Amino acid sequence: MFEVIKEVLSEQLGVEADIKLESKLREDLNIDSLLAVQLSVLLENKYDIDITEEELGKLVTIKDVIDLLEAKGVKA
């Protein structure tokens, strides 16, 4: 699942950074609120899930994104 998120960030959202599990979305990857919404929409469409604004606001690291997806039943 990490590789999929890494691909979405780099290829579809144009994030050009060294992406690791512990990478912080805002500080390390410069993902602003607009990119965060775009990321959530891409993941929602890819995995047929819903991500609320509240859930989106709690995401700090790439690991948080993976944990959220796993909590919603997404399999690696």
N, C-alpha and C. Protein backbone atom coordinates (compact mmCIF):
# COMPACT_ATOMS: atom_id res chain seq x y z
N MET A 1 0.83 -1.19 0.00
CA MET A 1 0.00 0.00 0.00
C MET A 1 0.87 1.26 0.00
N PHE A 2 2.03 1.19 0.67
CA PHE A 2 2.94 2.33 0.70
C PHE A 2 3.34 2.73 -0.72
N GLU A 3 3.64 1.73 -1.55
CA GLU A 3 4.06 2.02 -2.92
C GLU A 3 2.96 2.71 -3.71
N VAL A 4 1.71 2.32 -3.49
CA VAL A 4 0.59 2.96 -4.19
C VAL A 4 0.47 4.42 -3.78
N ILE A 5 0.56 4.68 -2.49
CA ILE A 5 0.46 6.06 -2.00
C ILE A 5 1.63 6.89 -2.52
N LYS A 6 2.80 6.30 -2.52
CA LYS A 6 3.99 6.98 -3.03
C LYS A 6 3.80 7.34 -4.51
N GLU A 7 3.25 6.41 -5.27
CA GLU A 7 2.99 6.64 -6.70
C GLU A 7 1.97 7.74 -6.90
N VAL A 8 0.88 7.71 -6.13
CA VAL A 8 -0.15 8.75 -6.24
C VAL A 8 0.45 10.12 -5.93
N LEU A 9 1.22 10.20 -4.88
CA LEU A 9 1.81 11.48 -4.50
C LEU A 9 2.79 12.00 -5.55
N SER A 10 3.65 11.13 -6.03
CA SER A 10 4.67 11.60 -6.96
C SER A 10 4.15 11.76 -8.38
N GLU A 11 3.43 10.79 -8.90
CA GLU A 11 3.01 10.84 -10.29
C GLU A 11 1.75 11.68 -10.52
N GLN A 12 0.77 11.53 -9.66
CA GLN A 12 -0.50 12.20 -9.90
C GLN A 12 -0.60 13.58 -9.25
N LEU A 13 0.12 13.79 -8.15
CA LEU A 13 0.06 15.08 -7.49
C LEU A 13 1.35 15.88 -7.63
N GLY A 14 2.37 15.29 -8.25
CA GLY A 14 3.60 16.01 -8.53
C GLY A 14 4.47 16.32 -7.32
N VAL A 15 4.33 15.53 -6.25
CA VAL A 15 5.17 15.74 -5.08
C VAL A 15 6.56 15.21 -5.40
N GLU A 16 7.55 16.08 -5.33
CA GLU A 16 8.92 15.70 -5.65
C GLU A 16 9.77 15.71 -4.39
N ALA A 17 9.64 14.67 -3.62
CA ALA A 17 10.39 14.56 -2.37
C ALA A 17 10.67 13.09 -2.12
N ASP A 18 11.59 12.83 -1.22
CA ASP A 18 11.89 11.47 -0.80
C ASP A 18 10.79 11.05 0.17
N ILE A 19 9.89 10.19 -0.29
CA ILE A 19 8.71 9.82 0.49
C ILE A 19 9.01 8.57 1.31
N LYS A 20 8.82 8.70 2.63
CA LYS A 20 9.02 7.59 3.56
C LYS A 20 7.77 7.44 4.41
N LEU A 21 7.67 6.34 5.12
CA LEU A 21 6.51 6.12 6.00
C LEU A 21 6.36 7.23 7.02
N GLU A 22 7.49 7.72 7.54
CA GLU A 22 7.43 8.74 8.58
C GLU A 22 7.38 10.16 8.03
N SER A 23 7.36 10.31 6.70
CA SER A 23 7.30 11.65 6.10
C SER A 23 6.03 12.36 6.53
N LYS A 24 6.19 13.60 6.96
CA LYS A 24 5.04 14.42 7.36
C LYS A 24 4.48 15.08 6.11
N LEU A 25 3.17 14.97 5.96
CA LEU A 25 2.52 15.46 4.75
C LEU A 25 2.79 16.94 4.52
N ARG A 26 2.59 17.75 5.54
CA ARG A 26 2.74 19.20 5.37
C ARG A 26 4.20 19.65 5.41
N GLU A 27 4.89 19.26 6.45
CA GLU A 27 6.25 19.75 6.66
C GLU A 27 7.26 19.17 5.67
N ASP A 28 7.23 17.85 5.48
CA ASP A 28 8.24 17.19 4.63
C ASP A 28 7.86 17.19 3.15
N LEU A 29 6.58 17.02 2.87
CA LEU A 29 6.14 16.85 1.48
C LEU A 29 5.45 18.08 0.91
N ASN A 30 5.30 19.11 1.73
CA ASN A 30 4.66 20.37 1.29
C ASN A 30 3.26 20.17 0.70
N ILE A 31 2.50 19.29 1.33
CA ILE A 31 1.13 19.05 0.88
C ILE A 31 0.23 20.03 1.61
N ASP A 32 -0.32 20.97 0.85
CA ASP A 32 -1.23 21.95 1.44
C ASP A 32 -2.64 21.37 1.47
N SER A 33 -3.60 22.15 1.92
CA SER A 33 -4.96 21.64 2.08
C SER A 33 -5.57 21.22 0.74
N LEU A 34 -5.26 21.94 -0.33
CA LEU A 34 -5.80 21.57 -1.64
C LEU A 34 -5.25 20.23 -2.11
N LEU A 35 -3.95 20.03 -1.97
CA LEU A 35 -3.35 18.75 -2.36
C LEU A 35 -3.85 17.63 -1.46
N ALA A 36 -4.09 17.91 -0.19
CA ALA A 36 -4.62 16.90 0.72
C ALA A 36 -6.00 16.44 0.27
N VAL A 37 -6.83 17.39 -0.15
CA VAL A 37 -8.17 17.04 -0.65
C VAL A 37 -8.04 16.23 -1.94
N GLN A 38 -7.14 16.63 -2.82
CA GLN A 38 -6.93 15.88 -4.06
C GLN A 38 -6.46 14.46 -3.75
N LEU A 39 -5.56 14.31 -2.80
CA LEU A 39 -5.10 12.99 -2.39
C LEU A 39 -6.26 12.15 -1.88
N SER A 40 -7.09 12.74 -1.03
CA SER A 40 -8.21 11.98 -0.47
C SER A 40 -9.18 11.55 -1.57
N VAL A 41 -9.44 12.42 -2.53
CA VAL A 41 -10.35 12.07 -3.64
C VAL A 41 -9.76 10.93 -4.47
N LEU A 42 -8.47 11.00 -4.77
CA LEU A 42 -7.83 9.93 -5.53
C LEU A 42 -7.90 8.60 -4.79
N LEU A 43 -7.64 8.63 -3.49
CA LEU A 43 -7.71 7.40 -2.70
C LEU A 43 -9.14 6.89 -2.57
N GLU A 44 -10.08 7.81 -2.40
CA GLU A 44 -11.49 7.40 -2.33
C GLU A 44 -11.92 6.70 -3.61
N ASN A 45 -11.54 7.26 -4.74
CA ASN A 45 -11.90 6.67 -6.02
C ASN A 45 -11.20 5.34 -6.26
N LYS A 46 -9.93 5.28 -5.91
CA LYS A 46 -9.15 4.06 -6.13
C LYS A 46 -9.66 2.90 -5.28
N TYR A 47 -10.00 3.18 -4.02
CA TYR A 47 -10.37 2.12 -3.09
C TYR A 47 -11.86 2.06 -2.77
N ASP A 48 -12.66 2.92 -3.40
CA ASP A 48 -14.11 2.95 -3.18
C ASP A 48 -14.45 3.10 -1.70
N ILE A 49 -13.87 4.14 -1.09
CA ILE A 49 -14.11 4.45 0.32
C ILE A 49 -14.47 5.92 0.44
N ASP A 50 -14.87 6.33 1.63
CA ASP A 50 -15.11 7.73 1.93
C ASP A 50 -14.13 8.18 3.02
N ILE A 51 -13.54 9.34 2.81
CA ILE A 51 -12.65 9.93 3.81
C ILE A 51 -13.27 11.27 4.21
N THR A 52 -13.62 11.39 5.48
CA THR A 52 -14.27 12.62 5.94
C THR A 52 -13.24 13.73 6.12
N GLU A 53 -13.74 14.96 6.20
CA GLU A 53 -12.85 16.10 6.46
C GLU A 53 -12.15 15.94 7.80
N GLU A 54 -12.86 15.41 8.77
CA GLU A 54 -12.28 15.20 10.10
C GLU A 54 -11.12 14.21 10.02
N GLU A 55 -11.34 13.09 9.31
CA GLU A 55 -10.28 12.10 9.15
C GLU A 55 -9.09 12.70 8.40
N LEU A 56 -9.38 13.45 7.36
CA LEU A 56 -8.33 14.08 6.57
C LEU A 56 -7.50 15.04 7.43
N GLY A 57 -8.15 15.76 8.30
CA GLY A 57 -7.46 16.71 9.17
C GLY A 57 -6.54 16.07 10.18
N LYS A 58 -6.77 14.79 10.48
CA LYS A 58 -5.96 14.08 11.47
C LYS A 58 -4.73 13.41 10.86
N LEU A 59 -4.62 13.42 9.55
CA LEU A 59 -3.49 12.77 8.89
C LEU A 59 -2.25 13.65 8.97
N VAL A 60 -1.21 13.12 9.56
CA VAL A 60 0.04 13.87 9.71
C VAL A 60 1.15 13.25 8.87
N THR A 61 1.25 11.93 8.89
CA THR A 61 2.32 11.23 8.17
C THR A 61 1.74 10.26 7.14
N ILE A 62 2.63 9.74 6.30
CA ILE A 62 2.23 8.72 5.33
C ILE A 62 1.69 7.50 6.07
N LYS A 63 2.30 7.16 7.20
CA LYS A 63 1.84 6.03 8.01
C LYS A 63 0.40 6.25 8.47
N ASP A 64 0.04 7.47 8.80
CA ASP A 64 -1.34 7.79 9.19
C ASP A 64 -2.30 7.50 8.04
N VAL A 65 -1.89 7.82 6.82
CA VAL A 65 -2.73 7.57 5.64
C VAL A 65 -2.94 6.07 5.49
N ILE A 66 -1.87 5.30 5.61
CA ILE A 66 -1.96 3.84 5.49
C ILE A 66 -2.84 3.26 6.60
N ASP A 67 -2.65 3.74 7.83
CA ASP A 67 -3.47 3.27 8.95
C ASP A 67 -4.95 3.55 8.71
N LEU A 68 -5.26 4.73 8.17
CA LEU A 68 -6.66 5.07 7.88
C LEU A 68 -7.23 4.13 6.82
N LEU A 69 -6.47 3.91 5.77
CA LEU A 69 -6.94 3.01 4.71
C LEU A 69 -7.17 1.60 5.25
N GLU A 70 -6.25 1.12 6.06
CA GLU A 70 -6.40 -0.22 6.65
C GLU A 70 -7.62 -0.26 7.57
N ALA A 71 -7.88 0.80 8.32
CA ALA A 71 -9.04 0.85 9.21
C ALA A 71 -10.34 0.82 8.41
N LYS A 72 -10.27 1.27 7.16
CA LYS A 72 -11.45 1.27 6.31
C LYS A 72 -11.56 -0.03 5.50
N GLY A 73 -10.69 -1.00 5.81
CA GLY A 73 -10.78 -2.30 5.18
C GLY A 73 -10.00 -2.46 3.88
N VAL A 74 -9.17 -1.49 3.56
CA VAL A 74 -8.37 -1.58 2.34
C VAL A 74 -7.23 -2.55 2.60
N LYS A 75 -7.07 -3.50 1.70
CA LYS A 75 -6.00 -4.49 1.81
C LYS A 75 -4.83 -4.06 0.95
N ALA A 76 -3.63 -4.37 1.40
CA ALA A 76 -2.41 -4.00 0.68
C ALA A 76 -2.33 -4.64 -0.68
